[in-house]
């Protein structure tokens, strides 16, 4: 298998952590890819017409994308139970919530980096951050007990989302007023898979 990746992408990190946690890192060749919504020339366009990463190629079928599909495939391949049947809807919802945090946080970066300074729309940026903030509040209020349970893809996704906030939006101080979530993140971030995939 080949994984088109960038160490700075939180979605790629989710796949990388899944590979490590399921013991499949040695089965994948990493191929560096880079691009933006306005320049996808460095992306694996032949494998993924959307021009996005992560994209996973495999010998037994077409390329897979996005991170949710890839992680589900890797979990099934390793029979790792990161998508446990009895809790599947909670796990998928938590993964979607974390992915939403990542999406909004990445869009903020694109807005400030890809637009000319005079065209940056601050209200739009704050609207994206409002999504992040609401999601973080819900994690603090409703999901900490789940996060403390057996490892699943929801936890991996949340850990990668919070790591991306530290990487790209440290000035926003997402930990303020969220001590339970911050404590969980410190513990989860100490896992070998998380330490091995720190962006940068």
N, C-alpha and C. Protein backbone atom coordinates (compact mmCIF):
# COMPACT_ATOMS: atom_id res chain seq x y z
N UNK A 1 0.84 -1.19 0.00
CA UNK A 1 0.00 0.00 0.00
C UNK A 1 0.88 1.24 0.00
N UNK A 2 0.34 2.32 -0.53
CA UNK A 2 1.02 3.61 -0.54
C UNK A 2 0.08 4.66 0.05
N UNK A 3 0.62 5.48 0.94
CA UNK A 3 -0.15 6.55 1.55
C UNK A 3 0.43 7.89 1.13
N UNK A 4 -0.37 8.66 0.41
CA UNK A 4 0.01 10.04 0.08
C UNK A 4 -0.31 10.89 1.29
N UNK A 5 0.71 11.62 1.76
CA UNK A 5 0.57 12.23 3.08
C UNK A 5 1.35 13.54 3.19
N UNK A 6 1.05 14.27 4.25
CA UNK A 6 1.84 15.41 4.72
C UNK A 6 1.78 15.39 6.23
N UNK A 7 2.90 15.61 6.88
CA UNK A 7 2.95 15.55 8.34
C UNK A 7 2.16 16.68 8.99
N UNK A 8 1.81 17.71 8.25
CA UNK A 8 1.08 18.84 8.84
C UNK A 8 -0.43 18.67 8.78
N UNK A 9 -0.92 17.68 8.06
CA UNK A 9 -2.36 17.48 7.92
C UNK A 9 -2.91 16.70 9.10
N UNK A 10 -3.93 17.22 9.79
CA UNK A 10 -4.52 16.47 10.90
C UNK A 10 -5.26 15.22 10.42
N UNK A 11 -5.78 15.26 9.21
CA UNK A 11 -6.47 14.08 8.66
C UNK A 11 -5.47 12.97 8.34
N UNK A 12 -4.32 13.36 7.82
CA UNK A 12 -3.26 12.38 7.61
C UNK A 12 -2.79 11.82 8.95
N UNK A 13 -2.65 12.68 9.93
CA UNK A 13 -2.20 12.20 11.24
C UNK A 13 -3.15 11.14 11.79
N UNK A 14 -4.44 11.34 11.59
CA UNK A 14 -5.41 10.35 12.06
C UNK A 14 -5.13 8.98 11.44
N UNK A 15 -4.81 8.97 10.15
CA UNK A 15 -4.49 7.71 9.48
C UNK A 15 -3.17 7.15 10.00
N UNK A 16 -2.18 8.01 10.19
CA UNK A 16 -0.88 7.55 10.68
C UNK A 16 -1.00 6.93 12.07
N UNK A 17 -1.76 7.58 12.95
CA UNK A 17 -1.97 7.03 14.29
C UNK A 17 -2.68 5.68 14.20
N UNK A 18 -3.66 5.59 13.33
CA UNK A 18 -4.38 4.33 13.15
C UNK A 18 -3.44 3.23 12.65
N UNK A 19 -2.57 3.56 11.72
CA UNK A 19 -1.59 2.58 11.24
C UNK A 19 -0.74 2.06 12.39
N UNK A 20 -0.26 2.97 13.23
CA UNK A 20 0.60 2.57 14.34
C UNK A 20 -0.17 1.75 15.35
N UNK A 21 -1.34 2.22 15.72
CA UNK A 21 -2.13 1.55 16.76
C UNK A 21 -2.58 0.15 16.32
N UNK A 22 -2.72 -0.05 15.01
CA UNK A 22 -3.15 -1.36 14.51
C UNK A 22 -2.00 -2.21 14.00
N UNK A 23 -0.77 -1.74 14.19
CA UNK A 23 0.40 -2.52 13.81
C UNK A 23 0.61 -2.67 12.32
N UNK A 24 0.22 -1.68 11.53
CA UNK A 24 0.32 -1.80 10.07
C UNK A 24 1.28 -0.80 9.44
N UNK A 25 2.05 -0.10 10.24
CA UNK A 25 2.94 0.93 9.67
C UNK A 25 3.90 0.35 8.64
N UNK A 26 4.38 -0.86 8.88
CA UNK A 26 5.33 -1.47 7.96
C UNK A 26 4.72 -1.92 6.65
N UNK A 27 3.41 -1.87 6.55
CA UNK A 27 2.73 -2.30 5.32
C UNK A 27 2.51 -1.16 4.33
N UNK A 28 2.93 0.05 4.70
CA UNK A 28 2.60 1.23 3.90
C UNK A 28 3.86 2.00 3.52
N UNK A 29 3.96 2.35 2.25
CA UNK A 29 5.00 3.25 1.77
C UNK A 29 4.44 4.67 1.80
N UNK A 30 5.17 5.58 2.43
CA UNK A 30 4.73 6.97 2.53
C UNK A 30 5.25 7.77 1.34
N UNK A 31 4.34 8.50 0.71
CA UNK A 31 4.69 9.35 -0.43
C UNK A 31 4.26 10.77 -0.10
N UNK A 32 5.22 11.67 -0.05
CA UNK A 32 4.93 13.05 0.31
C UNK A 32 4.10 13.74 -0.77
N UNK A 33 3.12 14.49 -0.33
CA UNK A 33 2.26 15.26 -1.25
C UNK A 33 1.94 16.59 -0.60
N UNK A 34 1.79 17.62 -1.41
CA UNK A 34 1.49 18.94 -0.87
C UNK A 34 0.66 19.71 -1.87
N UNK A 35 -0.21 20.57 -1.35
CA UNK A 35 -1.04 21.38 -2.22
C UNK A 35 -2.07 22.15 -1.44
N UNK A 36 -2.85 22.94 -2.14
CA UNK A 36 -3.91 23.73 -1.53
C UNK A 36 -5.12 23.67 -2.46
N UNK A 37 -6.27 24.21 -2.01
CA UNK A 37 -7.43 24.23 -2.90
C UNK A 37 -7.22 25.03 -4.19
N UNK A 38 -6.22 25.92 -4.20
CA UNK A 38 -5.98 26.71 -5.40
C UNK A 38 -4.77 26.21 -6.20
N UNK A 39 -4.07 25.22 -5.69
CA UNK A 39 -2.95 24.62 -6.42
C UNK A 39 -2.81 23.17 -5.98
N UNK A 40 -3.41 22.28 -6.73
CA UNK A 40 -3.40 20.86 -6.39
C UNK A 40 -2.39 20.08 -7.23
N UNK A 41 -1.47 20.79 -7.88
CA UNK A 41 -0.54 20.12 -8.79
C UNK A 41 0.37 19.13 -8.09
N UNK A 42 0.61 19.32 -6.79
CA UNK A 42 1.47 18.40 -6.05
C UNK A 42 0.70 17.29 -5.36
N UNK A 43 -0.58 17.19 -5.63
CA UNK A 43 -1.42 16.18 -5.01
C UNK A 43 -1.58 14.95 -5.91
N UNK A 44 -2.01 13.82 -5.35
CA UNK A 44 -2.16 12.59 -6.13
C UNK A 44 -3.44 12.59 -6.96
N UNK A 45 -3.49 13.43 -7.97
CA UNK A 45 -4.71 13.61 -8.75
C UNK A 45 -5.13 12.36 -9.50
N UNK A 46 -4.18 11.57 -9.93
CA UNK A 46 -4.52 10.34 -10.66
C UNK A 46 -5.20 9.33 -9.73
N UNK A 47 -4.88 9.38 -8.46
CA UNK A 47 -5.46 8.47 -7.48
C UNK A 47 -6.71 9.04 -6.82
N UNK A 48 -6.76 10.34 -6.69
CA UNK A 48 -7.88 11.01 -6.02
C UNK A 48 -8.22 12.28 -6.79
N UNK A 49 -9.28 12.27 -7.58
CA UNK A 49 -9.61 13.43 -8.40
C UNK A 49 -9.94 14.68 -7.58
N UNK A 50 -10.22 14.51 -6.29
CA UNK A 50 -10.49 15.67 -5.44
C UNK A 50 -9.20 16.41 -5.09
N UNK A 51 -8.06 15.79 -5.34
CA UNK A 51 -6.79 16.45 -5.07
C UNK A 51 -6.55 16.67 -3.59
N UNK A 52 -6.87 15.66 -2.79
CA UNK A 52 -6.72 15.78 -1.35
C UNK A 52 -5.90 14.63 -0.78
N UNK A 53 -5.37 14.88 0.40
CA UNK A 53 -4.73 13.85 1.19
C UNK A 53 -5.45 13.77 2.53
N UNK A 54 -5.40 12.57 3.14
CA UNK A 54 -4.71 11.36 2.76
C UNK A 54 -5.42 10.60 1.64
N UNK A 55 -4.62 9.92 0.84
CA UNK A 55 -5.12 9.00 -0.17
C UNK A 55 -4.30 7.71 -0.04
N UNK A 56 -4.97 6.58 0.00
CA UNK A 56 -4.31 5.29 0.18
C UNK A 56 -4.54 4.43 -1.06
N UNK A 57 -3.45 4.00 -1.70
CA UNK A 57 -3.57 3.05 -2.81
C UNK A 57 -3.32 1.64 -2.28
N UNK A 58 -3.92 0.67 -2.94
CA UNK A 58 -3.80 -0.73 -2.50
C UNK A 58 -3.86 -1.63 -3.72
N UNK A 59 -3.34 -2.83 -3.58
CA UNK A 59 -3.28 -3.75 -4.71
C UNK A 59 -4.62 -4.42 -5.01
N UNK A 60 -5.50 -4.50 -3.99
CA UNK A 60 -6.73 -5.26 -4.16
C UNK A 60 -7.96 -4.41 -4.45
N UNK A 61 -7.74 -3.18 -4.91
CA UNK A 61 -8.89 -2.34 -5.22
C UNK A 61 -8.47 -0.92 -5.53
N UNK A 62 -9.44 -0.06 -5.82
CA UNK A 62 -9.12 1.33 -6.13
C UNK A 62 -8.60 2.09 -4.91
N UNK A 63 -8.00 3.24 -5.16
CA UNK A 63 -7.50 4.08 -4.08
C UNK A 63 -8.64 4.49 -3.15
N UNK A 64 -8.29 4.65 -1.88
CA UNK A 64 -9.27 5.03 -0.87
C UNK A 64 -9.00 6.45 -0.37
N UNK A 65 -10.06 7.18 -0.12
CA UNK A 65 -10.01 8.51 0.49
C UNK A 65 -11.41 8.77 1.00
N UNK A 66 -11.71 9.58 1.98
CA UNK A 66 -10.86 10.40 2.81
C UNK A 66 -10.41 9.66 4.05
N UNK A 67 -10.04 10.38 5.12
CA UNK A 67 -9.48 9.72 6.30
C UNK A 67 -10.47 8.76 6.95
N UNK A 68 -11.76 9.08 6.93
CA UNK A 68 -12.74 8.19 7.56
C UNK A 68 -12.80 6.84 6.85
N UNK A 69 -12.78 6.87 5.53
CA UNK A 69 -12.81 5.64 4.75
C UNK A 69 -11.52 4.85 4.96
N UNK A 70 -10.38 5.54 4.91
CA UNK A 70 -9.09 4.86 5.07
C UNK A 70 -9.00 4.21 6.44
N UNK A 71 -9.37 4.95 7.49
CA UNK A 71 -9.27 4.39 8.84
C UNK A 71 -10.20 3.19 9.02
N UNK A 72 -11.36 3.27 8.44
CA UNK A 72 -12.29 2.14 8.54
C UNK A 72 -11.71 0.92 7.81
N UNK A 73 -11.10 1.15 6.68
CA UNK A 73 -10.47 0.05 5.94
C UNK A 73 -9.32 -0.56 6.73
N UNK A 74 -8.46 0.28 7.29
CA UNK A 74 -7.31 -0.22 8.06
C UNK A 74 -7.78 -0.99 9.29
N UNK A 75 -8.83 -0.50 9.93
CA UNK A 75 -9.37 -1.19 11.09
C UNK A 75 -9.89 -2.58 10.70
N UNK A 76 -10.63 -2.65 9.60
CA UNK A 76 -11.15 -3.93 9.14
C UNK A 76 -10.02 -4.87 8.75
N UNK A 77 -9.02 -4.32 8.09
CA UNK A 77 -7.88 -5.13 7.64
C UNK A 77 -7.15 -5.77 8.82
N UNK A 78 -7.02 -5.05 9.92
CA UNK A 78 -6.30 -5.54 11.09
C UNK A 78 -7.22 -6.17 12.13
N UNK A 79 -8.53 -6.09 11.89
CA UNK A 79 -9.50 -6.56 12.89
C UNK A 79 -9.19 -5.97 14.26
N UNK A 80 -9.02 -4.65 14.28
CA UNK A 80 -8.55 -3.96 15.49
C UNK A 80 -9.66 -3.48 16.41
N UNK A 81 -10.90 -3.47 15.92
CA UNK A 81 -12.06 -3.08 16.74
C UNK A 81 -12.03 -1.62 17.17
N UNK A 82 -11.52 -0.76 16.31
CA UNK A 82 -11.59 0.68 16.59
C UNK A 82 -12.99 1.24 16.31
N UNK A 83 -13.83 0.43 15.69
CA UNK A 83 -15.23 0.78 15.44
C UNK A 83 -16.12 -0.26 16.11
N UNK A 84 -16.16 -0.28 17.44
CA UNK A 84 -16.87 -1.35 18.16
C UNK A 84 -18.37 -1.32 17.92
N UNK A 85 -18.93 -2.47 17.59
CA UNK A 85 -20.35 -2.56 17.26
C UNK A 85 -21.29 -2.00 18.31
N UNK A 86 -21.13 -2.35 19.59
CA UNK A 86 -22.08 -1.88 20.61
C UNK A 86 -22.11 -0.36 20.77
N UNK A 87 -21.02 0.31 20.37
CA UNK A 87 -20.95 1.77 20.55
C UNK A 87 -20.77 2.49 19.21
N UNK A 88 -21.13 1.83 18.11
CA UNK A 88 -20.74 2.34 16.80
C UNK A 88 -21.27 3.73 16.52
N UNK A 89 -22.51 4.03 16.88
CA UNK A 89 -23.06 5.35 16.53
C UNK A 89 -22.41 6.45 17.35
N UNK A 90 -22.10 6.16 18.60
CA UNK A 90 -21.38 7.15 19.41
C UNK A 90 -19.97 7.37 18.86
N UNK A 91 -19.32 6.29 18.49
CA UNK A 91 -17.96 6.40 17.97
C UNK A 91 -17.94 7.18 16.66
N UNK A 92 -18.85 6.89 15.75
CA UNK A 92 -18.90 7.60 14.47
C UNK A 92 -19.25 9.07 14.67
N UNK A 93 -20.14 9.36 15.60
CA UNK A 93 -20.50 10.76 15.87
C UNK A 93 -19.31 11.52 16.45
N UNK A 94 -18.58 10.88 17.36
CA UNK A 94 -17.40 11.53 17.93
C UNK A 94 -16.35 11.77 16.86
N UNK A 95 -16.15 10.80 15.98
CA UNK A 95 -15.21 10.99 14.87
C UNK A 95 -15.64 12.16 13.99
N UNK A 96 -16.93 12.24 13.69
CA UNK A 96 -17.44 13.34 12.85
C UNK A 96 -17.25 14.69 13.55
N UNK A 97 -17.46 14.73 14.86
CA UNK A 97 -17.27 15.97 15.60
C UNK A 97 -15.81 16.42 15.53
N UNK A 98 -14.90 15.47 15.73
CA UNK A 98 -13.48 15.80 15.67
C UNK A 98 -13.07 16.22 14.26
N UNK A 99 -13.58 15.52 13.25
CA UNK A 99 -13.26 15.90 11.87
C UNK A 99 -13.79 17.29 11.56
N UNK A 100 -14.94 17.64 12.12
CA UNK A 100 -15.48 18.99 11.93
C UNK A 100 -14.58 20.06 12.53
N UNK A 101 -13.99 19.76 13.69
CA UNK A 101 -13.02 20.69 14.29
C UNK A 101 -11.84 20.87 13.34
N UNK A 102 -11.33 19.77 12.82
CA UNK A 102 -10.19 19.85 11.90
C UNK A 102 -10.54 20.65 10.65
N UNK A 103 -11.70 20.38 10.08
CA UNK A 103 -12.11 21.08 8.86
C UNK A 103 -12.17 22.58 9.09
N UNK A 104 -12.81 23.00 10.17
CA UNK A 104 -12.93 24.43 10.45
C UNK A 104 -11.56 25.05 10.71
N UNK A 105 -10.71 24.33 11.45
CA UNK A 105 -9.39 24.86 11.76
C UNK A 105 -8.52 24.98 10.52
N UNK A 106 -8.62 24.03 9.60
CA UNK A 106 -7.87 24.10 8.35
C UNK A 106 -8.39 25.25 7.48
N UNK A 107 -9.70 25.45 7.44
CA UNK A 107 -10.26 26.55 6.65
C UNK A 107 -9.79 27.91 7.16
N UNK A 108 -9.62 28.05 8.45
CA UNK A 108 -9.08 29.30 9.00
C UNK A 108 -7.67 29.53 8.46
N UNK A 109 -6.86 28.49 8.45
CA UNK A 109 -5.49 28.61 7.93
C UNK A 109 -5.52 29.01 6.46
N UNK A 110 -6.37 28.34 5.67
CA UNK A 110 -6.45 28.68 4.25
C UNK A 110 -6.89 30.12 4.04
N UNK A 111 -7.85 30.59 4.82
CA UNK A 111 -8.35 31.95 4.64
C UNK A 111 -7.23 32.98 4.82
N UNK A 112 -6.40 32.78 5.81
CA UNK A 112 -5.34 33.77 6.08
C UNK A 112 -4.13 33.58 5.18
N UNK A 113 -3.93 32.38 4.66
CA UNK A 113 -2.74 32.13 3.85
C UNK A 113 -2.95 32.31 2.35
N UNK A 114 -4.16 31.98 1.88
CA UNK A 114 -4.38 31.93 0.44
C UNK A 114 -5.01 33.20 -0.12
N UNK A 115 -5.65 33.98 0.71
CA UNK A 115 -6.25 35.22 0.22
C UNK A 115 -5.29 36.39 0.39
N UNK A 116 -5.34 37.36 -0.51
CA UNK A 116 -4.61 38.61 -0.27
C UNK A 116 -5.08 39.23 1.04
N UNK A 117 -4.17 39.87 1.73
CA UNK A 117 -4.48 40.40 3.07
C UNK A 117 -5.74 41.25 3.08
N UNK A 118 -5.92 42.06 2.05
CA UNK A 118 -7.08 42.96 2.04
C UNK A 118 -8.40 42.22 1.79
N UNK A 119 -8.32 40.95 1.41
CA UNK A 119 -9.53 40.18 1.14
C UNK A 119 -9.87 39.18 2.25
N UNK A 120 -9.02 39.07 3.26
CA UNK A 120 -9.29 38.13 4.35
C UNK A 120 -10.55 38.57 5.08
N UNK A 121 -11.47 37.64 5.26
CA UNK A 121 -12.77 37.94 5.86
C UNK A 121 -12.77 37.50 7.31
N UNK A 122 -12.54 38.44 8.22
CA UNK A 122 -12.40 38.13 9.64
C UNK A 122 -13.67 37.53 10.22
N UNK A 123 -14.83 38.00 9.78
CA UNK A 123 -16.09 37.46 10.30
C UNK A 123 -16.23 35.98 9.94
N UNK A 124 -15.77 35.63 8.76
CA UNK A 124 -15.82 34.23 8.34
C UNK A 124 -14.88 33.39 9.18
N UNK A 125 -13.68 33.91 9.45
CA UNK A 125 -12.72 33.21 10.31
C UNK A 125 -13.33 32.98 11.69
N UNK A 126 -13.94 34.01 12.25
CA UNK A 126 -14.53 33.86 13.58
C UNK A 126 -15.72 32.91 13.56
N UNK A 127 -16.42 32.85 12.45
CA UNK A 127 -17.51 31.89 12.32
C UNK A 127 -16.99 30.46 12.34
N UNK A 128 -15.86 30.23 11.69
CA UNK A 128 -15.25 28.91 11.73
C UNK A 128 -14.77 28.56 13.14
N UNK A 129 -14.17 29.56 13.80
CA UNK A 129 -13.70 29.30 15.16
C UNK A 129 -14.88 29.05 16.11
N UNK A 130 -16.01 29.66 15.86
CA UNK A 130 -17.19 29.42 16.70
C UNK A 130 -17.59 27.95 16.62
N UNK A 131 -17.48 27.34 15.43
CA UNK A 131 -17.75 25.90 15.30
C UNK A 131 -16.80 25.10 16.18
N UNK A 132 -15.52 25.45 16.10
CA UNK A 132 -14.52 24.76 16.91
C UNK A 132 -14.84 24.90 18.40
N UNK A 133 -15.12 26.11 18.82
CA UNK A 133 -15.38 26.38 20.23
C UNK A 133 -16.60 25.62 20.74
N UNK A 134 -17.66 25.62 19.97
CA UNK A 134 -18.86 24.87 20.38
C UNK A 134 -18.56 23.38 20.49
N UNK A 135 -17.81 22.86 19.53
CA UNK A 135 -17.47 21.44 19.56
C UNK A 135 -16.61 21.11 20.77
N UNK A 136 -15.66 21.97 21.09
CA UNK A 136 -14.82 21.75 22.26
C UNK A 136 -15.65 21.76 23.54
N UNK A 137 -16.61 22.67 23.61
CA UNK A 137 -17.49 22.73 24.80
C UNK A 137 -18.28 21.43 24.95
N UNK A 138 -18.77 20.91 23.83
CA UNK A 138 -19.52 19.66 23.88
C UNK A 138 -18.62 18.50 24.30
N UNK A 139 -17.39 18.48 23.81
CA UNK A 139 -16.45 17.45 24.24
C UNK A 139 -16.24 17.51 25.75
N UNK A 140 -16.07 18.70 26.27
CA UNK A 140 -15.85 18.89 27.71
C UNK A 140 -17.07 18.45 28.52
N UNK A 141 -18.26 18.80 28.03
CA UNK A 141 -19.47 18.58 28.81
C UNK A 141 -20.04 17.18 28.68
N UNK A 142 -19.86 16.54 27.51
CA UNK A 142 -20.59 15.29 27.24
C UNK A 142 -19.74 14.08 26.93
N UNK A 143 -18.49 14.28 26.52
CA UNK A 143 -17.77 13.17 25.92
C UNK A 143 -16.56 12.69 26.72
N UNK A 144 -16.23 13.30 27.83
CA UNK A 144 -15.00 12.95 28.54
C UNK A 144 -15.03 11.50 29.03
N UNK A 145 -16.19 11.04 29.49
CA UNK A 145 -16.27 9.66 29.96
C UNK A 145 -16.02 8.68 28.82
N UNK A 146 -16.54 8.98 27.64
CA UNK A 146 -16.28 8.12 26.47
C UNK A 146 -14.79 8.17 26.12
N UNK A 147 -14.22 9.35 26.13
CA UNK A 147 -12.80 9.50 25.79
C UNK A 147 -11.91 8.69 26.73
N UNK A 148 -12.37 8.49 27.96
CA UNK A 148 -11.58 7.75 28.94
C UNK A 148 -11.72 6.24 28.79
N UNK A 149 -12.56 5.78 27.89
CA UNK A 149 -12.82 4.36 27.72
C UNK A 149 -11.81 3.68 26.81
N UNK A 150 -12.13 2.47 26.37
CA UNK A 150 -11.23 1.72 25.47
C UNK A 150 -10.97 2.48 24.17
N UNK A 151 -9.79 2.30 23.63
CA UNK A 151 -9.38 3.03 22.43
C UNK A 151 -10.33 2.78 21.27
N UNK A 152 -10.75 3.86 20.61
CA UNK A 152 -11.53 3.76 19.38
C UNK A 152 -11.17 4.90 18.46
N UNK A 153 -11.74 4.90 17.27
CA UNK A 153 -11.38 5.90 16.27
C UNK A 153 -11.81 7.30 16.69
N UNK A 154 -12.87 7.40 17.49
CA UNK A 154 -13.29 8.71 17.96
C UNK A 154 -12.22 9.36 18.80
N UNK A 155 -11.60 8.60 19.68
CA UNK A 155 -10.52 9.14 20.51
C UNK A 155 -9.34 9.56 19.66
N UNK A 156 -8.98 8.73 18.69
CA UNK A 156 -7.86 9.08 17.81
C UNK A 156 -8.15 10.38 17.08
N UNK A 157 -9.36 10.52 16.56
CA UNK A 157 -9.73 11.73 15.82
C UNK A 157 -9.69 12.96 16.72
N UNK A 158 -10.20 12.85 17.94
CA UNK A 158 -10.18 13.99 18.87
C UNK A 158 -8.74 14.36 19.21
N UNK A 159 -7.92 13.36 19.49
CA UNK A 159 -6.52 13.66 19.79
C UNK A 159 -5.83 14.39 18.66
N UNK A 160 -6.09 13.99 17.43
CA UNK A 160 -5.48 14.65 16.27
C UNK A 160 -6.04 16.05 16.07
N UNK A 161 -7.33 16.23 16.33
CA UNK A 161 -7.94 17.56 16.21
C UNK A 161 -7.33 18.53 17.22
N UNK A 162 -7.19 18.09 18.45
CA UNK A 162 -6.62 18.96 19.49
C UNK A 162 -5.16 19.25 19.20
N UNK A 163 -4.45 18.25 18.69
CA UNK A 163 -3.06 18.47 18.31
C UNK A 163 -2.92 19.51 17.21
N UNK A 164 -3.87 19.51 16.27
CA UNK A 164 -3.82 20.51 15.20
C UNK A 164 -4.10 21.91 15.73
N UNK A 165 -4.99 22.01 16.70
CA UNK A 165 -5.24 23.32 17.30
C UNK A 165 -3.98 23.84 17.98
N UNK A 166 -3.25 22.97 18.65
CA UNK A 166 -1.99 23.39 19.25
C UNK A 166 -0.98 23.79 18.18
N UNK A 167 -0.97 23.09 17.08
CA UNK A 167 0.00 23.33 16.01
C UNK A 167 -0.27 24.63 15.26
N UNK A 168 -1.52 24.88 14.91
CA UNK A 168 -1.84 26.03 14.06
C UNK A 168 -2.55 27.18 14.77
N UNK A 169 -3.17 26.91 15.91
CA UNK A 169 -3.99 27.93 16.56
C UNK A 169 -3.70 28.02 18.06
N UNK A 170 -2.43 27.90 18.42
CA UNK A 170 -2.07 27.91 19.84
C UNK A 170 -2.49 29.20 20.54
N UNK A 171 -2.53 30.30 19.79
CA UNK A 171 -2.91 31.59 20.39
C UNK A 171 -4.37 31.62 20.83
N UNK A 172 -5.17 30.69 20.38
CA UNK A 172 -6.59 30.66 20.75
C UNK A 172 -6.82 30.02 22.13
N UNK A 173 -5.83 29.30 22.65
CA UNK A 173 -5.88 28.69 23.98
C UNK A 173 -7.16 27.88 24.19
N UNK A 174 -7.28 26.80 23.43
CA UNK A 174 -8.49 25.99 23.50
C UNK A 174 -8.69 25.36 24.88
N UNK A 175 -7.63 25.24 25.68
CA UNK A 175 -7.74 24.60 26.99
C UNK A 175 -8.48 25.43 28.02
N UNK A 176 -8.55 26.72 27.82
CA UNK A 176 -9.16 27.63 28.81
C UNK A 176 -10.61 27.23 29.06
N UNK A 177 -10.95 26.96 30.32
CA UNK A 177 -12.30 26.60 30.69
C UNK A 177 -12.67 25.16 30.38
N UNK A 178 -11.71 24.36 29.95
CA UNK A 178 -11.99 22.96 29.59
C UNK A 178 -10.97 22.04 30.26
N UNK A 179 -10.94 22.00 31.57
CA UNK A 179 -9.88 21.25 32.28
C UNK A 179 -9.95 19.74 32.06
N UNK A 180 -11.15 19.19 31.97
CA UNK A 180 -11.26 17.74 31.78
C UNK A 180 -10.71 17.32 30.41
N UNK A 181 -11.08 18.07 29.38
CA UNK A 181 -10.61 17.78 28.04
C UNK A 181 -9.09 17.98 27.95
N UNK A 182 -8.60 19.04 28.57
CA UNK A 182 -7.17 19.29 28.56
C UNK A 182 -6.40 18.18 29.26
N UNK A 183 -6.93 17.69 30.38
CA UNK A 183 -6.28 16.59 31.08
C UNK A 183 -6.27 15.32 30.27
N UNK A 184 -7.40 15.01 29.64
CA UNK A 184 -7.45 13.83 28.78
C UNK A 184 -6.44 13.95 27.65
N UNK A 185 -6.36 15.12 27.03
CA UNK A 185 -5.46 15.31 25.91
C UNK A 185 -4.00 15.10 26.32
N UNK A 186 -3.65 15.55 27.51
CA UNK A 186 -2.28 15.35 27.97
C UNK A 186 -1.96 13.87 28.11
N UNK A 187 -2.90 13.12 28.65
CA UNK A 187 -2.68 11.69 28.81
C UNK A 187 -2.66 10.97 27.46
N UNK A 188 -3.63 11.31 26.60
CA UNK A 188 -3.71 10.64 25.30
C UNK A 188 -2.51 11.00 24.43
N UNK A 189 -2.06 12.23 24.53
CA UNK A 189 -0.92 12.67 23.74
C UNK A 189 0.38 11.98 24.09
N UNK A 190 0.40 11.30 25.23
CA UNK A 190 1.60 10.57 25.64
C UNK A 190 1.70 9.20 24.99
N UNK A 191 0.66 8.77 24.29
CA UNK A 191 0.71 7.47 23.61
C UNK A 191 1.82 7.50 22.55
N UNK A 192 2.46 6.36 22.36
CA UNK A 192 3.56 6.28 21.39
C UNK A 192 3.12 6.74 20.00
N UNK A 193 1.92 6.34 19.58
CA UNK A 193 1.44 6.70 18.25
C UNK A 193 1.26 8.20 18.09
N UNK A 194 0.83 8.86 19.15
CA UNK A 194 0.65 10.31 19.10
C UNK A 194 2.01 11.01 19.11
N UNK A 195 2.91 10.55 19.91
CA UNK A 195 4.23 11.18 19.99
C UNK A 195 4.99 11.01 18.67
N UNK A 196 4.77 9.90 17.99
CA UNK A 196 5.47 9.63 16.74
C UNK A 196 4.95 10.45 15.57
N UNK A 197 3.79 11.05 15.73
CA UNK A 197 3.13 11.74 14.59
C UNK A 197 2.91 13.22 14.85
N UNK A 198 3.61 13.80 15.81
CA UNK A 198 3.45 15.23 16.11
C UNK A 198 3.73 16.03 14.83
N UNK A 199 2.84 16.92 14.45
CA UNK A 199 3.05 17.67 13.19
C UNK A 199 4.19 18.66 13.29
N UNK A 200 4.77 18.93 12.15
CA UNK A 200 5.84 19.92 12.12
C UNK A 200 6.87 19.60 11.05
